[in-house]
Each structure stands twice: as structure tokens, then as C-alpha cells.
């Protein structure tokens, strides 16, 4: 049993470490087993009780003696009639004293029994028992406890899973990660970082507030601001922000004490005032930014005509186009997005707000506009009609630019095609002329080739003719052709041996 008490005590769990470090746990009243309960043992048995009740019935009716039975797991509170208080343990009891007063038996396993100056109670695991001994706090670890002391008064048991536990002059504070705790130690502000449990050791070291260091997303109520061109706009926006310096935020903006000066018992994480300060500054910065925006330039859809609709058309040749005859495709520069919806340009609004919010420990991450329309519905309708007309004009301009670009590409393609075709034909003529010249030179070097060429040309000349005119009559035709035929045949015969 001693090994269990020393090596595996109920308060050895992590939940009690902060109290153990400060040596605040009192285990001197703890019992190891129910057998150690200070109670009067049974002094009778059922037969004796029956005998007394039957044989001494008149005395029982007069209250001269009392009998009662205490079940296991129970104790019976008894008063001796002389200002004393006792417990009766399990079994049958015979009391031969008319001044004794017997109460109803009570279970001690899960109950708190306070009987005069005697106390018998159980503190559950995960809880801490709180008692006062002459006004000084006594913290009881888990287990069965009993004492007899008129100055030691049991008050309550506190669940350790609560973030703030006030136990008389002591305060136990658990700060989650992502939060910081603001406390006051005799008027001096003390910030406790998240991720640990802290003990505030005296009454004037008070818990005041939790402050979240997480990213906050807050809807800004609709504001009305005038643009640079005097258009009243209704703008809806959200603000993303977080507390970066808890110490500065607690000192300069957050409400850390109640108006009555009492302990905060409500929402201990309320930062409504700080949130309101952030939203007010965000509204002011956004209104100043809107004042520099021309609504007609940034929200009117007609401005979209300036946006480029075509990329540069690729040409078939890198040659420079004729500037005098080409259609200019240069467009206006693409306009930037509307400043209210341009994250880059909105950074100036955020920077302006942060110049102020940093003085109370807050950093605004972004101000996002989710809607911006003219507050005047008539103006909004007129602008919508103008937007429709602008869209139509933009459509026709896109078509015109497309046709111009297509015509330019087609003209350049035809011109380049003609140039390539002309260059090809000239090269072909040059090659044919060179071949003809070389052939003529070869024919010129051989008389026979000359004659055969003449015959070939003559044949080609008369190939598709039905009649031929000669400068002689028919009787002399053989004389005209015979010498040429004979000469050609002679040359062919004489030339064979040499070949």
C-alpha cells in the first residue's frame, strides 16, 4: 500500500503538475482505504437488537435506547446530545442513551458528508477539493479524505478542465495556444503566453481577459463614401486582421476591467472594443481610398473598350511591313483592374490603416471589397444602360480590328506568295536557257548532229500538217531529198568504226 501511495498517487497526472510545483496539495487528510474511516464500530447484532425491541418495548417507545443498522459503504451521522458529532460504521448499533440523535445513513463513496466538525468526502480524479482552514486555502488531491476540525471547512470541488478556476485567493489559469492571458498583479499588467497553465498566487493578482492572437475575419458594415468624381457609393467589405502585440493591445485598446471593478464572470474572451477600433480605422482608410477613385473610369464597363482584345498577329516573314499601307494594330495599354478590386493597389489602403492600428498592437492583413455600387439607384440604372451600349460598341470594334488584321495578313500572304512564285519562275527560265545554250554548243560541234537536228526540227514542223509546199515540182522531189538522205546515211556508216 505504501508503494502505491508513493509511486502511483492520483495527483501524479499532468493536470496537477502546476499545483505540485507550488506545493499546494495537502494529502494529510487522505485515507488509503475505507477501513481507516474514523467511525464507531458496531456493538450489537440482529438477535440482540430484536431482544431489546421485544423485551424493552416500553423503554424503546420512551426513547431510552435506540438501535439501528448501518449498511456497507455507508456511515450514519449521530449526535450525542452534548454538542458532539460522531459517525457510526457498518453493522448493528445499540445506543442506551435517550439524548442521542441518529440520522439517515449516507454513502461515502461518491458523497460529501459534513457532520458538525467532522467531514468525510471524496475528491474525484480531474477535480481539486477546496477547503478553508482559518481562512487559508487548503487544496485536496483526488481520494477519500476525512478530518475532525471545526476550523477546517470544506467549500467545493473544481473541475480542472475549466480555463479559469478561482479558488479563494488563488486563481488557476489555462491559456490555450493561439491566445494570451491578461492579468493584473497589484495594478501592473502581466501577459501570460499561450500553451501553459499558470497559478496566480494571491488575491490581488487577478485574471482579466483572454486575447486571441488568431487571424480574425470581420465583416465591415456597409459604408457610404464619395468617389473623386463625386459619386456616392455604397461599399461592403471585410477586414482580415490579427493582434500582433498583446501587451500593446491590452494597454491601449482592449477593455481589461469591468465598469464595477469586479471579476469578469461573463465572456472572458470578449474583444468587442478592440474589434470596433479596428473596423473604424479600416472604414476611414477605405473611405480615403475611395475618395481618390474615379467611379466612371473604374466601374463603368465602357472603360473596358480600352482593353486589348487581340494579341499581335504573327507574320509569315520577319520582314518589316510597309508602314504606309499596313493597318495599325497597336492598342491602348491594358487598363489596370478597378482599384477597389486590385489587391496590389489596395495595399496602399491597408498600409494607411496599419499606420494607426499598430499603435494598439493590431496588424491588418487585408481589406477586401466585396461589393461597390452607386448609392443612387437612378445613377446605377443609367450606368447599366451605358454599360450595355459600351459593350455593343466594344463588340463592333473587336470585329473591325479582326477584319483589318485578317485583311492585312491575307495581303501580306499574297504578296509574299507572288514574290516566291516569280523568283521560282525566273530561276526555272535561267536553268532552261542554260540547258538550251549547252545543247546548241554540243550540236554545233558535230555536222551530223546539225543535220539530225534539222531533220528533227523539220519533222516537228510538219508533224501535224496535211500538206507541205516545196519550191519545186513533184518530178524533182526525189532530187531534193536524196542528197541529204544519202549524206546522212554515209556519215552514220563511216562514224560507226570510230565509236
Protein backbone atom coordinates (compact mmCIF):
# COMPACT_ATOMS: atom_id res chain seq x y z
CA UNK A 1 0.00 0.00 0.00
CA UNK A 2 2.85 2.37 0.73
CA UNK A 3 4.36 1.63 -2.70
CA UNK A 4 1.06 2.56 -4.34
CA UNK A 5 0.88 5.83 -2.44
CA UNK A 6 4.42 6.85 -3.28
CA UNK A 7 4.73 5.51 -6.82
CA UNK A 8 1.27 5.90 -8.29
CA UNK A 9 -0.56 8.65 -6.49
CA UNK A 10 -3.74 10.07 -8.04
CA UNK A 11 -2.23 13.56 -8.28
CA UNK A 12 0.71 12.36 -10.39
CA UNK A 13 -1.22 13.09 -13.59
CA UNK A 14 -0.26 16.16 -15.71
CA UNK A 15 -3.39 18.04 -14.63
CA UNK A 16 -1.98 18.55 -11.13
CA UNK A 17 1.62 19.45 -12.01
CA UNK A 18 1.18 23.21 -11.64
CA UNK A 19 -0.24 22.72 -8.13
CA UNK A 20 2.51 20.29 -7.18
CA UNK A 21 5.19 22.73 -8.33
CA UNK A 22 3.80 25.28 -5.90
CA UNK A 23 3.41 22.66 -3.11
CA UNK A 24 -0.26 23.46 -2.68
CA UNK A 25 -1.69 19.93 -2.49
CA UNK A 26 -2.50 18.69 1.01
CA UNK A 27 -2.75 14.92 1.35
CA UNK A 28 -2.50 14.69 5.16
CA UNK A 29 -6.26 14.10 5.46
CA UNK A 30 -6.39 11.42 2.77
CA UNK A 31 -7.28 7.83 3.67
CA UNK A 32 -5.86 4.82 1.89
CA UNK A 33 -8.96 2.64 2.35
CA UNK A 34 -12.46 2.77 3.87
CA UNK A 35 -11.19 0.75 6.81
CA UNK A 36 -9.36 3.85 8.01
CA UNK A 37 -12.57 5.88 8.39
CA UNK A 38 -12.91 7.23 11.91
CA UNK A 39 -16.29 5.75 12.85
CA UNK A 40 -17.75 3.92 15.85
CA UNK A 41 -17.74 0.20 15.18
CA UNK A 42 -20.83 -1.95 15.56
CA UNK A 43 -21.59 -3.01 19.17
CA UNK A 44 -24.55 -5.32 18.69
CA UNK A 45 -26.08 -7.96 16.44
CA UNK A 46 -29.53 -8.63 14.97
CA UNK A 47 -30.53 -11.02 17.79
CA UNK A 48 -29.64 -8.54 20.48
CA UNK A 49 -31.48 -5.79 18.66
CA UNK A 50 -34.57 -7.98 18.36
CA UNK A 51 -34.38 -8.90 22.06
CA UNK A 52 -34.16 -5.28 23.15
CA UNK A 53 -37.01 -4.20 20.89
CA UNK A 54 -39.29 -7.02 22.12
CA UNK A 55 -38.46 -7.15 25.79
CA UNK A 56 -37.91 -3.47 26.35
CA UNK A 57 -40.62 -2.15 24.10
CA UNK A 58 -41.89 0.46 26.61
CA UNK A 59 -38.37 1.82 27.02
CA UNK A 60 -37.97 1.96 23.26
CA UNK A 61 -41.20 3.89 22.97
CA UNK A 62 -39.93 6.32 25.60
CA UNK A 63 -36.66 6.74 23.67
CA UNK A 64 -34.50 5.36 26.43
CA UNK A 65 -32.50 3.32 23.93
CA UNK A 66 -32.07 3.24 20.16
CA UNK A 67 -31.00 0.61 17.70
CA UNK A 68 -30.02 0.99 14.07
CA UNK A 69 -28.11 -0.81 11.34
CA UNK A 70 -25.52 0.75 9.02
CA UNK A 71 -25.12 -0.88 5.58
CA UNK A 72 -21.71 -1.41 4.00
CA UNK A 73 -20.35 1.64 2.16
CA UNK A 74 -22.30 3.95 4.43
CA UNK A 75 -21.83 5.86 7.64
CA UNK A 76 -24.56 7.14 9.91
CA UNK A 77 -24.17 10.64 11.36
CA UNK A 78 -25.00 10.62 15.06
CA UNK A 79 -25.28 13.48 17.58
CA UNK A 80 -24.61 12.68 21.24
CA UNK A 81 -26.87 15.43 22.56
CA UNK A 82 -23.94 17.15 24.23
CA UNK A 83 -22.62 19.02 21.18
CA UNK A 84 -20.57 16.13 19.90
CA UNK A 85 -20.72 14.58 16.45
CA UNK A 86 -19.73 11.05 15.52
CA UNK A 87 -20.05 8.55 12.68
CA UNK A 88 -21.28 5.00 13.11
CA UNK A 89 -19.72 2.39 10.88
CA UNK A 90 -21.08 -0.78 9.27
CA UNK A 91 -23.14 -3.13 11.45
CA UNK A 92 -25.76 -3.10 14.21
CA UNK A 93 -25.60 -0.46 16.86
CA UNK A 94 -27.31 -0.26 20.28
CA UNK A 95 -27.39 3.15 21.96
CA UNK A 96 -28.55 3.24 25.56
CA UNK A 97 -28.79 6.98 25.82
CA UNK A 98 -32.01 8.92 25.28
CA UNK A 99 -30.13 12.07 24.20
CA UNK A 100 -28.52 10.54 21.13
CA UNK A 101 -29.93 11.50 17.75
CA UNK A 102 -29.44 9.17 14.80
CA UNK A 103 -29.59 10.47 11.24
CA UNK A 104 -30.10 8.67 7.96
CA UNK A 105 -27.16 6.57 6.73
CA UNK A 106 -25.22 8.16 3.87
CA UNK A 107 -22.93 6.56 1.29
CA UNK A 108 -19.38 7.87 1.46
CA UNK A 109 -18.08 6.54 -1.88
CA UNK A 110 -19.31 9.44 -4.05
CA UNK A 111 -20.71 11.80 -1.50
CA UNK A 112 -19.60 14.72 0.63
CA UNK A 113 -20.67 14.29 4.23
CA UNK A 114 -20.23 17.24 6.56
CA UNK A 115 -21.46 16.45 10.07
CA UNK A 116 -20.69 19.16 12.58
CA UNK A 117 -16.92 19.36 12.95
CA UNK A 118 -16.44 16.11 11.05
CA UNK A 119 -16.08 15.87 7.30
CA UNK A 120 -15.88 12.80 5.10
CA UNK A 121 -15.65 13.33 1.36
CA UNK A 122 -14.33 12.02 -1.94
CA UNK A 123 -12.49 14.21 -4.45
CA UNK A 124 -12.80 12.75 -7.94
CA UNK A 125 -9.94 12.39 -10.37
CA UNK A 126 -9.64 15.53 -12.53
CA UNK A 127 -11.01 17.73 -9.76
CA UNK A 128 -9.47 19.61 -6.87
CA UNK A 129 -11.09 19.89 -3.45
CA UNK A 130 -11.11 23.33 -1.86
CA UNK A 131 -11.36 23.93 1.87
CA UNK A 132 -10.54 26.81 4.19
CA UNK A 133 -8.58 26.36 7.40
CA UNK A 134 -8.88 29.55 9.44
CA UNK A 135 -9.30 31.44 6.17
CA UNK A 136 -6.28 29.85 4.47
CA UNK A 137 -6.89 27.78 1.34
CA UNK A 138 -6.37 24.03 1.54
CA UNK A 139 -6.32 22.11 -1.75
CA UNK A 140 -7.20 18.43 -1.58
CA UNK A 141 -5.96 15.97 -4.23
CA UNK A 142 -8.13 13.10 -5.53
CA UNK A 143 -9.05 10.46 -2.98
CA UNK A 144 -11.04 9.82 0.21
CA UNK A 145 -10.50 12.46 2.89
CA UNK A 146 -11.65 12.77 6.50
CA UNK A 147 -10.95 15.17 9.31
CA UNK A 148 -12.35 16.46 12.56
CA UNK A 149 -11.59 20.13 12.85
CA UNK A 150 -14.13 22.90 13.47
CA UNK A 151 -11.91 25.44 11.66
CA UNK A 152 -11.32 23.34 8.53
CA UNK A 153 -14.37 23.93 6.37
CA UNK A 154 -14.90 22.20 3.03
CA UNK A 155 -16.21 24.51 0.31
CA UNK A 156 -16.36 22.91 -3.10
CA UNK A 157 -14.62 20.81 -5.76
CA UNK A 158 -13.43 22.43 -9.00
CA UNK A 159 -13.07 20.70 -12.34
CA UNK A 160 -9.56 21.22 -13.68
CA UNK A 161 -10.72 21.26 -17.31
CA UNK A 162 -12.04 24.79 -16.82
CA UNK A 163 -9.81 27.53 -18.18
CA UNK A 164 -10.23 29.87 -15.21
CA UNK A 165 -10.62 28.42 -11.72
CA UNK A 166 -10.99 30.85 -8.83
CA UNK A 167 -10.27 29.15 -5.51
CA UNK A 168 -10.42 31.83 -2.86
CA UNK A 169 -7.29 33.95 -3.19
CA UNK A 170 -5.81 31.53 -5.75
CA UNK A 171 -6.60 31.53 -9.45
CA UNK A 172 -5.66 28.72 -11.81
CA UNK A 173 -5.50 29.84 -15.46
CA UNK A 174 -5.02 27.63 -18.52
CA UNK A 175 -4.07 29.54 -21.68
CA UNK A 176 -4.52 27.69 -24.97
CA UNK A 177 -2.14 28.16 -27.88
CA UNK A 178 -3.35 30.99 -30.10
CA UNK A 179 -4.40 33.04 -27.07
CA UNK A 180 -2.72 35.21 -24.49
CA UNK A 181 -3.96 35.99 -21.00
CA UNK A 182 -4.07 39.46 -19.50
CA UNK A 183 -3.63 39.54 -15.72
CA UNK A 184 -3.19 42.32 -13.18
CA UNK A 185 -0.66 41.99 -10.37
CA UNK A 186 -1.25 44.87 -7.96
CA UNK A 187 -2.10 47.17 -10.85
CA UNK A 188 0.75 46.02 -13.08
CA UNK A 189 -0.26 44.32 -16.29
CA UNK A 190 1.21 40.85 -16.78
CA UNK A 191 0.76 38.98 -20.07
CA UNK A 192 0.78 35.17 -19.93
CA UNK A 193 1.55 33.50 -23.29
CA UNK A 194 -0.46 30.55 -24.57
CA UNK A 195 0.34 26.88 -24.29
CA UNK A 196 0.64 26.51 -20.49
CA UNK A 197 -1.17 26.59 -17.14
CA UNK A 198 -0.43 29.33 -14.62
CA UNK A 199 -1.19 29.92 -10.94
CA UNK A 200 -1.98 33.44 -9.76
CA UNK A 201 -0.79 33.09 -6.15
CA UNK A 202 -2.56 35.92 -4.34
CA UNK A 203 -5.88 37.71 -4.36
CA UNK A 204 -4.60 40.88 -5.98
CA UNK A 205 -3.07 39.02 -8.89
CA UNK A 206 -6.25 38.84 -10.92
CA UNK A 207 -7.24 37.30 -14.18
CA UNK A 208 -8.72 39.91 -16.53
CA UNK A 209 -9.16 38.69 -20.09
CA UNK A 210 -8.18 36.28 -22.81
CA UNK A 211 -6.98 37.91 -26.03
CA UNK A 212 -6.91 35.83 -29.20
CA UNK A 213 -3.82 36.10 -31.40
CA UNK A 214 -5.51 34.15 -34.19
CA UNK A 215 -6.42 35.66 -37.54
CA UNK A 216 -9.76 37.45 -37.33
CA UNK A 217 -12.18 37.94 -40.22
CA UNK A 218 -14.74 40.66 -39.53
CA UNK A 219 -17.49 41.96 -41.78
CA UNK A 220 -17.46 45.70 -42.09
CA UNK A 221 -20.89 47.25 -42.08
CA UNK A 222 -21.82 48.97 -45.33
CA UNK A 223 -20.22 52.38 -45.67
CA UNK A 224 -21.09 55.26 -47.96
CA UNK A 225 -18.21 57.21 -49.41
CA UNK A 226 -17.85 59.76 -52.20
CA UNK A 227 -15.51 59.00 -55.09
CA UNK A 228 -13.20 61.51 -56.76
CA UNK A 229 -15.88 62.24 -59.38
CA UNK A 230 -18.50 62.92 -56.66
CA UNK A 231 -20.36 59.64 -56.96
CA UNK A 232 -21.78 58.44 -53.66
CA UNK A 233 -21.03 54.73 -53.41
CA UNK A 234 -22.27 52.03 -51.04
CA UNK A 235 -19.38 49.69 -50.28
CA UNK A 236 -19.39 46.34 -48.47
CA UNK A 237 -16.05 44.97 -47.30
CA UNK A 238 -14.38 42.51 -44.97
CA UNK A 239 -11.29 43.06 -42.85
CA UNK A 240 -8.71 40.34 -42.15
CA UNK A 241 -6.61 41.22 -39.11
CA UNK A 242 -4.83 39.84 -36.09
CA UNK A 243 -3.32 41.04 -32.83
CA UNK A 244 0.46 41.02 -33.13
CA UNK A 245 1.38 42.71 -29.84
CA UNK A 246 -0.86 41.60 -26.98
CA UNK A 247 0.84 43.85 -24.44
CA UNK A 248 0.24 46.99 -26.52
CA UNK A 249 -3.30 45.91 -27.43
CA UNK A 250 -4.23 45.30 -23.79
CA UNK A 251 -2.78 48.61 -22.63
CA UNK A 252 -4.05 50.84 -25.42
CA UNK A 253 -7.33 49.45 -26.67
CA UNK A 254 -8.81 46.35 -25.02
CA UNK A 255 -11.18 46.68 -22.08
CA UNK A 256 -9.45 44.72 -19.32
CA UNK A 257 -11.61 45.63 -16.29
CA UNK A 258 -15.34 45.84 -15.77
CA UNK A 259 -17.10 49.09 -15.01
CA UNK A 260 -17.85 47.84 -11.49
CA UNK A 261 -14.29 46.67 -10.90
CA UNK A 262 -15.48 43.15 -10.05
CA UNK A 263 -14.07 39.97 -11.55
CA UNK A 264 -15.14 39.26 -15.11
CA UNK A 265 -17.66 36.43 -14.96
CA UNK A 266 -19.08 36.67 -18.47
CA UNK A 267 -17.29 36.30 -21.79
CA UNK A 268 -13.64 36.35 -20.72
CA UNK A 269 -12.51 36.43 -24.37
CA UNK A 270 -14.55 39.46 -25.43
CA UNK A 271 -12.53 41.95 -27.51
CA UNK A 272 -15.50 43.91 -28.83
CA UNK A 273 -13.92 47.31 -28.19
CA UNK A 274 -10.68 46.37 -29.94
CA UNK A 275 -12.63 44.93 -32.88
CA UNK A 276 -14.66 48.13 -33.13
CA UNK A 277 -11.47 50.22 -33.15
CA UNK A 278 -10.04 48.12 -35.99
CA UNK A 279 -13.23 48.41 -38.05
CA UNK A 280 -13.44 52.17 -37.53
CA UNK A 281 -9.89 52.66 -38.78
CA UNK A 282 -10.48 50.30 -41.71
CA UNK A 283 -13.58 52.28 -42.66
CA UNK A 284 -11.66 55.56 -42.53
CA UNK A 285 -8.80 54.21 -44.66
CA UNK A 286 -11.18 52.67 -47.19
CA UNK A 287 -13.19 55.91 -47.44
CA UNK A 288 -9.97 57.86 -48.08
CA UNK A 289 -9.00 55.37 -50.77
CA UNK A 290 -12.42 55.60 -52.44
CA UNK A 291 -12.08 59.38 -52.46
CA UNK A 292 -9.16 59.02 -54.87
CA UNK A 293 -11.03 56.73 -57.27
CA UNK A 294 -12.99 57.92 -60.32
CA UNK A 295 -16.04 55.73 -60.44
CA UNK A 296 -16.69 56.39 -64.12
CA UNK A 297 -13.18 55.22 -65.02
CA UNK A 298 -13.08 52.13 -62.90
CA UNK A 299 -16.62 50.81 -62.67
CA UNK A 300 -18.14 51.86 -65.99
CA UNK A 301 -17.98 48.94 -68.36
CA UNK A 302 -17.40 51.34 -71.24
CA UNK A 303 -13.85 51.70 -69.99
CA UNK A 304 -13.31 48.10 -70.98
CA UNK A 305 -13.12 49.24 -74.65
CA UNK A 306 -9.60 50.32 -73.93
CA UNK A 307 -8.65 46.76 -73.08
CA UNK A 308 -6.72 44.90 -75.79
CA UNK A 309 -8.72 42.16 -77.45
CA UNK A 310 -6.10 40.78 -79.86
CA UNK A 311 -2.56 39.68 -79.45
CA UNK A 312 -0.01 40.72 -82.02
CA UNK A 313 -0.72 38.78 -85.23
CA UNK A 314 2.27 36.58 -86.22
CA UNK A 315 3.59 37.26 -89.71
CA UNK A 316 4.78 34.69 -92.24
CA UNK A 317 8.03 36.58 -92.74
CA UNK A 318 10.11 38.67 -90.36
CA UNK A 319 10.34 41.37 -92.98
CA UNK A 320 9.21 44.80 -91.83
CA UNK A 321 5.71 45.69 -93.10
CA UNK A 322 5.04 48.71 -95.19
CA UNK A 323 4.05 51.35 -92.66
CA UNK A 324 2.23 53.42 -95.29
CA UNK A 325 -0.12 50.63 -96.39
CA UNK A 326 -0.43 48.45 -93.22
CA UNK A 327 -3.26 48.76 -90.73
CA UNK A 328 -2.04 49.77 -87.29
CA UNK A 329 -2.72 47.05 -84.69
CA UNK A 330 -1.30 48.93 -81.75
CA UNK A 331 -3.87 49.07 -78.98
CA UNK A 332 -4.08 51.22 -75.93
CA UNK A 333 -2.35 49.91 -72.85
CA UNK A 334 -4.42 47.48 -70.84
CA UNK A 335 -6.04 49.37 -68.00
CA UNK A 336 -5.35 48.10 -64.54
CA UNK A 337 -8.17 46.47 -62.58
CA UNK A 338 -10.53 48.60 -60.59
CA UNK A 339 -8.55 49.94 -57.62
CA UNK A 340 -11.15 48.68 -55.17
CA UNK A 341 -10.70 45.15 -56.50
CA UNK A 342 -6.99 45.39 -57.28
CA UNK A 343 -5.12 43.65 -54.46
CA UNK A 344 -1.87 45.41 -55.29
CA UNK A 345 -3.37 48.89 -55.23
CA UNK A 346 -5.45 48.06 -52.16
CA UNK A 347 -2.18 47.55 -50.30
CA UNK A 348 -1.89 51.32 -50.02
CA UNK A 349 -5.22 51.35 -48.17
CA UNK A 350 -4.01 48.55 -45.87
CA UNK A 351 -0.72 50.37 -45.23
CA UNK A 352 -2.60 53.55 -44.33
CA UNK A 353 -4.75 51.63 -41.84
CA UNK A 354 -1.75 49.84 -40.32
CA UNK A 355 -0.05 53.15 -39.60
CA UNK A 356 -2.76 53.70 -36.98
CA UNK A 357 -3.64 50.18 -35.85
CA UNK A 358 -0.04 49.35 -35.00
CA UNK A 359 -0.30 51.85 -32.15
CA UNK A 360 -2.66 49.43 -30.41
CA UNK A 361 -0.93 46.21 -31.42
CA UNK A 362 -3.05 45.20 -34.41
CA UNK A 363 -1.93 44.36 -37.94
CA UNK A 364 -4.48 44.46 -40.75
CA UNK A 365 -3.67 41.77 -43.31
CA UNK A 366 -6.15 42.81 -45.99
CA UNK A 367 -9.24 44.91 -46.65
CA UNK A 368 -11.38 43.16 -49.24
CA UNK A 369 -14.18 44.94 -51.07
CA UNK A 370 -16.99 42.50 -51.83
CA UNK A 371 -19.40 45.00 -53.37
CA UNK A 372 -19.39 48.61 -54.54
CA UNK A 373 -22.35 50.23 -56.27
CA UNK A 374 -23.71 53.77 -56.54
CA UNK A 375 -25.94 54.61 -53.64
CA UNK A 376 -28.27 56.39 -56.08
CA UNK A 377 -30.36 53.75 -57.85
CA UNK A 378 -31.13 56.11 -60.73
CA UNK A 379 -27.45 56.63 -61.41
CA UNK A 380 -26.88 52.92 -61.16
CA UNK A 381 -29.58 52.29 -63.80
CA UNK A 382 -28.09 54.91 -66.12
CA UNK A 383 -24.63 53.44 -65.79
CA UNK A 384 -26.03 50.00 -66.51
CA UNK A 385 -27.56 51.28 -69.76
CA UNK A 386 -24.27 52.93 -70.66
CA UNK A 387 -22.51 49.66 -69.97
CA UNK A 388 -24.77 47.86 -72.43
CA UNK A 389 -24.06 50.45 -75.12
CA UNK A 390 -20.35 50.27 -74.39
CA UNK A 391 -20.43 46.51 -74.70
CA UNK A 392 -22.08 46.78 -78.12
CA UNK A 393 -19.50 49.32 -79.26
CA UNK A 394 -16.73 47.11 -77.99
CA UNK A 395 -18.14 44.17 -79.92
CA UNK A 396 -18.15 46.10 -83.21
CA UNK A 397 -14.66 47.42 -82.57
CA UNK A 398 -13.41 43.91 -81.94
CA UNK A 399 -14.96 42.75 -85.22
CA UNK A 400 -13.43 45.69 -87.12
CA UNK A 401 -9.98 45.05 -85.66
CA UNK A 402 -10.32 41.39 -86.51
CA UNK A 403 -11.25 42.06 -90.11
CA UNK A 404 -8.44 44.58 -90.51
CA UNK A 405 -5.93 42.15 -89.11
CA UNK A 406 -7.22 39.34 -91.32
CA UNK A 407 -7.06 41.55 -94.44
CA UNK A 408 -3.53 42.61 -93.59
CA UNK A 409 -2.41 39.04 -93.10
CA UNK A 410 -4.07 37.94 -96.34
CA UNK A 411 -2.49 40.80 -98.34
CA UNK A 412 0.93 40.09 -96.95
CA UNK A 413 0.50 36.40 -97.68
CA UNK A 414 -0.49 37.04 -101.32
CA UNK A 415 2.40 39.46 -101.82
CA UNK A 416 4.95 37.09 -100.39
CA UNK A 417 3.47 34.21 -102.41
CA UNK A 418 3.81 36.21 -105.65
CA UNK A 419 7.40 37.09 -104.81
CA UNK A 420 8.28 33.47 -104.18
CA UNK A 421 6.48 32.34 -107.39
CA UNK A 422 8.27 34.99 -109.50
CA UNK A 423 11.62 34.03 -108.07
CA UNK A 424 10.92 30.39 -108.91
CA UNK A 425 9.87 31.11 -112.48
CA UNK A 426 12.94 33.30 -113.07
CA UNK A 427 15.21 30.59 -111.75
CA UNK A 428 13.48 28.00 -113.96
CA UNK A 429 13.87 30.19 -117.07
CA UNK A 430 17.52 30.66 -116.24
CA UNK A 431 18.06 26.93 -115.94
CA UNK A 432 16.20 26.24 -119.22
CA UNK A 433 18.21 28.89 -121.05
CA UNK A 434 21.46 27.48 -119.75
CA UNK A 435 20.44 23.96 -120.86
CA UNK A 436 19.44 25.18 -124.33
CA UNK A 437 22.74 27.02 -124.71
CA UNK A 438 24.74 23.97 -123.70
CA UNK A 439 22.76 21.79 -126.12
CA UNK A 440 23.32 24.21 -129.01
CA UNK A 441 27.04 24.21 -128.33
CA UNK A 442 27.14 20.42 -128.45
CA UNK A 443 25.16 20.29 -131.71
CA UNK A 444 27.37 22.98 -133.25
CA UNK A 445 30.47 20.87 -132.72
CA UNK A 446 29.09 17.95 -134.88
CA UNK A 447 27.89 18.37 -138.55
CA UNK A 448 25.93 15.13 -138.32
CA UNK A 449 24.19 16.36 -135.20
CA UNK A 450 23.38 19.52 -137.08
CA UNK A 451 21.76 17.56 -139.89
CA UNK A 452 19.83 15.34 -137.48
CA UNK A 453 18.69 18.39 -135.64
CA UNK A 454 17.47 19.92 -138.89
CA UNK A 455 15.61 16.70 -139.69
CA UNK A 456 14.11 16.66 -136.18
CA UNK A 457 13.03 20.25 -136.43
CA UNK A 458 11.62 19.65 -139.89
CA UNK A 459 9.74 16.62 -138.60
CA UNK A 460 8.38 18.64 -135.72
CA UNK A 461 7.34 21.36 -138.09
CA UNK A 462 5.43 19.08 -140.45
CA UNK A 463 4.21 16.54 -137.89
CA UNK A 464 0.73 17.97 -137.64
CA UNK A 465 0.50 19.27 -141.24
CA UNK A 466 -1.58 17.67 -144.01
CA UNK A 467 0.21 19.43 -146.87
CA UNK A 468 3.68 20.84 -147.46
CA UNK A 469 4.80 23.27 -150.13
CA UNK A 470 8.22 22.83 -151.71
CA UNK A 471 10.00 25.17 -154.03
CA UNK A 472 10.00 22.62 -156.93
CA UNK A 473 7.64 20.39 -158.83
CA UNK A 474 6.83 16.80 -157.95
CA UNK A 475 9.20 15.39 -160.56
CA UNK A 476 12.17 16.95 -158.82
CA UNK A 477 11.17 15.95 -155.22
CA UNK A 478 13.47 12.93 -155.16
CA UNK A 479 16.36 15.01 -156.29
CA UNK A 480 15.80 17.44 -153.43
CA UNK A 481 15.68 14.85 -150.65
CA UNK A 482 18.07 12.22 -152.00
CA UNK A 483 21.38 14.05 -151.40
CA UNK A 484 20.54 14.79 -147.78
CA UNK A 485 19.41 11.24 -147.05
CA UNK A 486 22.49 9.73 -148.72
CA UNK A 487 24.83 12.07 -146.89
CA UNK A 488 23.26 11.31 -143.56
CA UNK A 489 23.48 7.58 -144.15
CA UNK A 490 27.09 7.84 -145.27
CA UNK A 491 28.10 9.77 -142.20
CA UNK A 492 26.38 7.28 -139.89
CA UNK A 493 28.16 4.34 -141.58
CA UNK A 494 31.56 5.98 -141.51
CA UNK A 495 31.19 7.04 -137.94
CA UNK A 496 30.46 3.56 -136.51
CA UNK A 497 34.03 2.18 -136.58
CA UNK A 498 35.34 5.21 -134.77
CA UNK A 499 32.76 4.86 -132.00
